[in-house]
Every structure is written in structure tokens, then in C-alpha cells.
Protein backbone atom coordinates (compact mmCIF):
# COMPACT_ATOMS: atom_id res chain seq x y z
CA UNK A 1 50.64 49.16 269.72
CA UNK A 2 49.64 46.32 271.20
CA UNK A 3 45.75 45.05 270.91
CA UNK A 4 43.08 45.23 273.32
CA UNK A 5 43.33 41.83 275.70
CA UNK A 6 39.49 41.21 275.40
CA UNK A 7 36.93 40.10 272.96
CA UNK A 8 36.00 37.50 270.61
CA UNK A 9 38.09 39.07 267.72
CA UNK A 10 41.38 39.06 269.76
CA UNK A 11 41.11 35.37 271.09
CA UNK A 12 40.81 34.45 267.26
CA UNK A 13 43.62 36.36 266.13
CA UNK A 14 45.39 34.76 268.94
CA UNK A 15 44.59 31.54 268.51
CA UNK A 16 45.17 32.06 264.56
CA UNK A 17 48.58 32.95 265.57
CA UNK A 18 49.16 29.34 267.48
CA UNK A 19 47.51 28.06 264.27
CA UNK A 20 50.47 29.66 262.28
CA UNK A 21 53.11 27.81 264.52
CA UNK A 22 51.21 24.44 264.24
CA UNK A 23 51.64 24.77 260.26
CA UNK A 24 54.83 23.65 261.09
CA UNK A 25 54.08 20.39 262.09
CA UNK A 26 52.20 19.88 258.58
CA UNK A 27 56.05 21.19 257.43
CA UNK A 28 57.58 18.56 259.44
CA UNK A 29 55.57 15.69 258.01
CA UNK A 30 56.09 16.89 254.12
CA UNK A 31 60.07 17.11 255.38
CA UNK A 32 59.96 13.39 256.21
CA UNK A 33 57.93 12.37 253.44
CA UNK A 34 59.89 14.36 251.01
CA UNK A 35 62.71 12.99 252.29
CA UNK A 36 62.39 9.19 251.50
CA UNK A 37 61.10 10.23 247.99
CA UNK A 38 64.69 11.67 247.33
CA UNK A 39 63.37 15.58 247.08
CA UNK A 40 66.22 16.89 248.94
CA UNK A 41 65.32 20.73 247.85
CA UNK A 42 62.11 20.28 248.49
CA UNK A 43 62.79 19.46 251.78
CA UNK A 44 65.66 22.08 251.86
CA UNK A 45 63.39 24.81 251.11
CA UNK A 46 60.66 23.13 253.56
CA UNK A 47 63.47 23.81 256.21
CA UNK A 48 63.33 27.44 255.11
CA UNK A 49 59.68 28.17 255.63
CA UNK A 50 60.16 26.25 258.85
CA UNK A 51 62.57 29.16 260.07
CA UNK A 52 60.45 31.52 258.76
CA UNK A 53 57.77 30.70 260.82
CA UNK A 54 59.78 30.05 263.91
CA UNK A 55 61.09 33.37 263.46
CA UNK A 56 57.52 35.44 262.71
CA UNK A 57 55.56 33.93 265.16
CA UNK A 58 56.82 34.64 268.69
CA UNK A 59 56.90 38.51 267.12
CA UNK A 60 53.19 37.62 266.44
CA UNK A 61 52.13 36.48 269.62
CA UNK A 62 53.40 39.15 271.92
CA UNK A 63 51.64 41.64 269.60
CA UNK A 64 48.28 39.82 269.96
CA UNK A 65 49.36 38.89 274.06
CA UNK A 66 48.12 35.34 273.10
CA UNK A 67 49.43 34.33 277.27
CA UNK A 68 46.85 37.01 278.07
CA UNK A 69 43.83 36.50 275.50
CA UNK A 70 44.59 32.48 275.50
CA UNK A 71 46.09 31.73 279.04
CA UNK A 72 44.85 27.93 278.67
CA UNK A 73 46.95 27.22 275.85
CA UNK A 74 49.87 26.59 276.05
CA UNK A 75 52.04 28.25 273.05
CA UNK A 76 56.03 27.98 274.19
CA UNK A 77 55.24 24.11 274.40
CA UNK A 78 53.76 24.27 270.81
CA UNK A 79 57.04 26.01 269.64
CA UNK A 80 59.00 23.81 271.22
CA UNK A 81 57.28 20.46 269.50
CA UNK A 82 57.66 21.90 266.66
CA UNK A 83 61.20 23.08 266.62
CA UNK A 84 62.26 19.93 267.88
CA UNK A 85 60.66 17.76 264.53
CA UNK A 86 61.58 20.48 261.97
CA UNK A 87 64.85 21.47 263.63
CA UNK A 88 65.73 18.16 265.26
CA UNK A 89 64.05 15.19 263.74
CA UNK A 90 63.38 16.42 260.18
CA UNK A 91 67.20 16.74 259.34
CA UNK A 92 68.39 13.62 260.85
CA UNK A 93 65.68 11.91 258.34
CA UNK A 94 67.13 14.01 255.21
CA UNK A 95 70.59 12.97 256.19
CA UNK A 96 69.92 9.19 257.02
CA UNK A 97 68.09 8.61 253.99
CA UNK A 98 69.88 10.84 251.51
CA UNK A 99 73.01 8.72 251.96
CA UNK A 100 74.98 11.44 254.29
CA UNK A 101 75.63 9.16 256.99
CA UNK A 102 77.02 5.76 257.10
CA UNK A 103 75.46 2.83 256.03
CA UNK A 104 73.36 0.36 257.96
CA UNK A 105 72.55 0.01 261.48
CA UNK A 106 75.38 3.04 262.16
CA UNK A 107 74.19 5.23 260.24
CA UNK A 108 70.86 5.12 262.44
CA UNK A 109 73.08 5.02 265.65
CA UNK A 110 74.92 8.72 264.31
CA UNK A 111 71.15 9.83 264.06
CA UNK A 112 69.92 9.03 267.05
CA UNK A 113 73.01 10.63 269.11
CA UNK A 114 71.74 14.68 267.91
CA UNK A 115 68.24 13.54 268.34
CA UNK A 116 68.99 12.33 271.91
CA UNK A 117 71.04 15.56 273.04
CA UNK A 118 68.08 17.77 271.62
CA UNK A 119 65.86 15.91 273.60
CA UNK A 120 67.95 17.04 276.92
CA UNK A 121 68.15 20.45 275.65
CA UNK A 122 64.50 21.06 275.14
CA UNK A 123 63.44 19.92 278.36
CA UNK A 124 66.05 21.46 280.23
CA UNK A 125 64.20 24.35 282.35
CA UNK A 126 67.33 27.01 281.51
CA UNK A 127 67.86 26.15 277.98
CA UNK A 128 66.45 29.85 277.07
CA UNK A 129 67.80 32.07 279.45
CA UNK A 130 65.77 35.12 280.90
CA UNK A 131 67.59 37.30 278.87
CA UNK A 132 66.82 35.75 276.07
CA UNK A 133 69.91 33.47 275.24
CA UNK A 134 69.79 29.69 274.34
CA UNK A 135 72.36 27.83 276.12
CA UNK A 136 74.34 25.24 274.54
CA UNK A 137 74.36 24.34 271.04
CA UNK A 138 70.72 25.17 269.94
CA UNK A 139 69.61 22.62 268.08
CA UNK A 140 70.23 24.22 264.32
CA UNK A 141 70.30 20.84 263.06
CA UNK A 142 68.46 22.23 259.86
CA UNK A 143 71.07 24.54 259.44
CA UNK A 144 73.71 22.18 260.02
CA UNK A 145 72.44 19.55 257.28
CA UNK A 146 71.83 22.26 254.45
CA UNK A 147 75.28 22.98 254.57
CA UNK A 148 76.51 19.74 254.48
CA UNK A 149 74.20 18.80 251.48
CA UNK A 150 75.07 21.74 249.37
CA UNK A 151 78.64 21.48 250.15
CA UNK A 152 78.37 17.90 249.09
CA UNK A 153 79.90 16.45 252.25
CA UNK A 154 81.37 13.40 252.57
CA UNK A 155 80.25 10.51 254.82
CA UNK A 156 82.74 11.01 257.47
CA UNK A 157 82.77 14.71 257.33
CA UNK A 158 79.02 14.54 258.10
CA UNK A 159 79.01 12.25 261.21
CA UNK A 160 82.15 14.62 262.46
CA UNK A 161 80.09 17.82 262.09
CA UNK A 162 77.14 15.99 264.06
CA UNK A 163 79.24 14.58 266.79
CA UNK A 164 80.80 17.89 267.28
CA UNK A 165 78.07 19.85 267.39
CA UNK A 166 76.57 17.50 269.64
CA UNK A 167 79.15 17.96 272.33
CA UNK A 168 78.36 21.37 271.78
CA UNK A 169 74.89 21.27 273.34
CA UNK A 170 76.22 20.13 276.40
CA UNK A 171 79.22 22.94 276.40
CA UNK A 172 77.59 26.29 278.41
CA UNK A 173 77.80 29.00 275.74
CA UNK A 174 75.00 31.55 275.45
CA UNK A 175 74.39 31.42 271.87
CA UNK A 176 72.07 34.04 270.75
CA UNK A 177 68.82 34.30 269.96
CA UNK A 178 68.35 36.42 266.85
CA UNK A 179 64.81 37.73 267.05
CA UNK A 180 65.24 38.06 271.29
CA UNK A 181 68.37 39.07 272.14
CA UNK A 182 68.50 43.04 272.83
CA UNK A 183 73.03 43.03 272.50
CA UNK A 184 72.91 43.93 268.82
CA UNK A 185 69.77 43.24 267.81
CA UNK A 186 69.41 45.53 264.26
CA UNK A 187 73.26 44.26 263.01
CA UNK A 188 72.08 40.59 263.99
CA UNK A 189 68.68 40.93 262.40
CA UNK A 190 69.96 42.59 259.20
CA UNK A 191 72.72 39.92 258.91
CA UNK A 192 69.97 37.01 260.02
CA UNK A 193 67.18 38.63 257.20
CA UNK A 194 70.50 38.31 254.52
CA UNK A 195 71.52 34.95 255.21
CA UNK A 196 68.09 34.11 255.12
CA UNK A 197 67.75 35.46 251.13
CA UNK A 198 71.46 34.19 250.42
CA UNK A 199 69.91 30.70 251.75
CA UNK A 200 67.32 31.00 249.15
CA UNK A 201 70.19 32.00 246.54
CA UNK A 202 71.85 29.13 247.09
CA UNK A 203 68.68 27.00 246.94
CA UNK A 204 67.64 28.00 243.40
CA UNK A 205 71.36 26.93 242.37
CA UNK A 206 71.24 23.50 243.57
CA UNK A 207 72.95 21.05 243.38
CA UNK A 208 75.76 23.41 241.81
CA UNK A 209 75.17 26.36 244.39
CA UNK A 210 77.92 29.10 243.56
CA UNK A 211 80.75 29.02 246.29
CA UNK A 212 80.96 32.00 246.76
CA UNK A 213 77.42 32.61 247.69
CA UNK A 214 77.76 29.70 250.40
CA UNK A 215 81.27 31.52 251.51
CA UNK A 216 79.32 34.59 251.82
CA UNK A 217 76.23 33.30 254.00
CA UNK A 218 78.77 31.06 255.86
CA UNK A 219 80.45 34.91 257.30
CA UNK A 220 76.48 35.21 258.73
CA UNK A 221 77.59 31.55 261.30
CA UNK A 222 81.01 32.79 262.04
CA UNK A 223 79.48 36.72 263.24
CA UNK A 224 76.63 34.40 265.40
CA UNK A 225 79.37 32.37 266.67
CA UNK A 226 81.99 35.12 267.68
CA UNK A 227 78.90 37.37 268.95
CA UNK A 228 77.79 34.44 271.05
CA UNK A 229 80.86 33.88 272.44
CA UNK A 230 82.27 37.55 273.28
CA UNK A 231 79.20 38.14 275.07
CA UNK A 232 79.47 35.00 277.10
CA UNK A 233 83.01 35.37 278.04
CA UNK A 234 81.95 39.24 278.73
CA UNK A 235 79.02 38.30 281.20
CA UNK A 236 81.29 35.97 283.26
CA UNK A 237 83.95 38.55 283.53
CA UNK A 238 81.42 40.28 284.70
CA UNK A 239 79.78 38.14 287.13
CA UNK A 240 83.31 37.49 288.37
CA UNK A 241 83.77 40.90 288.77
CA UNK A 242 80.42 41.59 290.84
CA UNK A 243 81.42 38.55 293.14
CA UNK A 244 84.89 39.65 293.65
């Protein structure tokens, strides 16, 4: 049952949700600091913490009707700022500082390419559709960095992966927004929760995680990609039928 929309307690609750979201900037600061300290495993744990906050703050915001209770504060803008630095900026810092990118200035160039693509994506007015999809690869650079690191990817493999995903930012595939896309919501959220658990198990085993655990977690990525492509093609087919 939604909470009432007035009263100092409700305003405090709404602002607490924004404060919860803003914790992401503290995590981002720690990500960058720990990256240069060589604490790769800690940074990967911080990625997980950031994803949990990002996956739950939207529910809390809707539950406490923060837009109505605190209309003068732009929670969506705050969320985008936090997502950019935790999902894009910090992962590139980690990959570069940990030696997964080419040496010298070329490493900076490779790291900059996804960041620039994400700048474009985060500023698109249609980056999130009205029916709750992401348009183009949704800047999950933290997830890409996680798999590249736990798999011990080479510099060439890391560079190739980042460049391919950068191209996908501009390909108009509609990617599922796990916590909001209505189609297949229950299986998607169930698998997302299981994936987060597998992420944690893999990190517990790092730096020598079980390959079958990594492969099992990769099954979720396959599910996510196939579902997103299927829904995109299905929607295009429906649009063509309606137009014809």
C-alpha cells in the first residue's frame, strides 16, 4: 500500500531514499581509490554493492512517492550521475589501473572510448523508453569488467570486448530493464537475484574462481541478451504490421 503524500515524516522518508541512492558516489570514490591501491577484489565487491543499491532504490522511490513528496529534487538525474560513475567511469579506472588495457597513452584511449559512448547514451532523451527498456547496450561496463577480470582476459581480449560493446551502444536494440520491464518480469528478476548470488560466490573464490560457476552465471547474460533481442524483433514486427 503506497504511503501518504504529506507530512514531515514522509518528506524525511523520501529524502532518505535519495540519500540511499547518493551512497553510490561514496562507493565510486572507494572504487577509484581501491583500484589504484591494487585492491581488485574489493572493487568488485563495491560493484556488487552499487548494483544492489541501484536495483532497489527505484522500488523505494516508487514506494515512498518521492517525486510527489519532494518535487523539487530530481532523483532521476541523481540516479544517472551515480550510474555513470559506478557503471562506466570506475570500471574503466579499474581495468586501466589493473593492467587489462594497453600500456601508455593507448590504454587511456581505449578506456575513453566506452566513457564517451556512455556520455552519449546517458544524455539521450530516449535512453529509457516509456515501456521500460534501455535503447542500446546499457553501459553495463562494471559487469563487463567483472567477467574480464575473473576470466583473466588478455589485453587484446579486453580491448576487443570494450570496442564491440561500444558499438552496441549505438545499435538500437531494446535491452530489458530487469526491475521494470513488464514482459517476463518474474523469471527475469528471479534469475537476476540468482546471478547476484553467483557473482558473490565467484568473488569469494577469486582469484581462482570455479569456471563452472562463471559459466553458470554467464547463462543469465545469455538469457538477458536473447530476451532483449526477441522483444526488440517482436516489437518491430508488430509496428510493421500496424503500419501495413
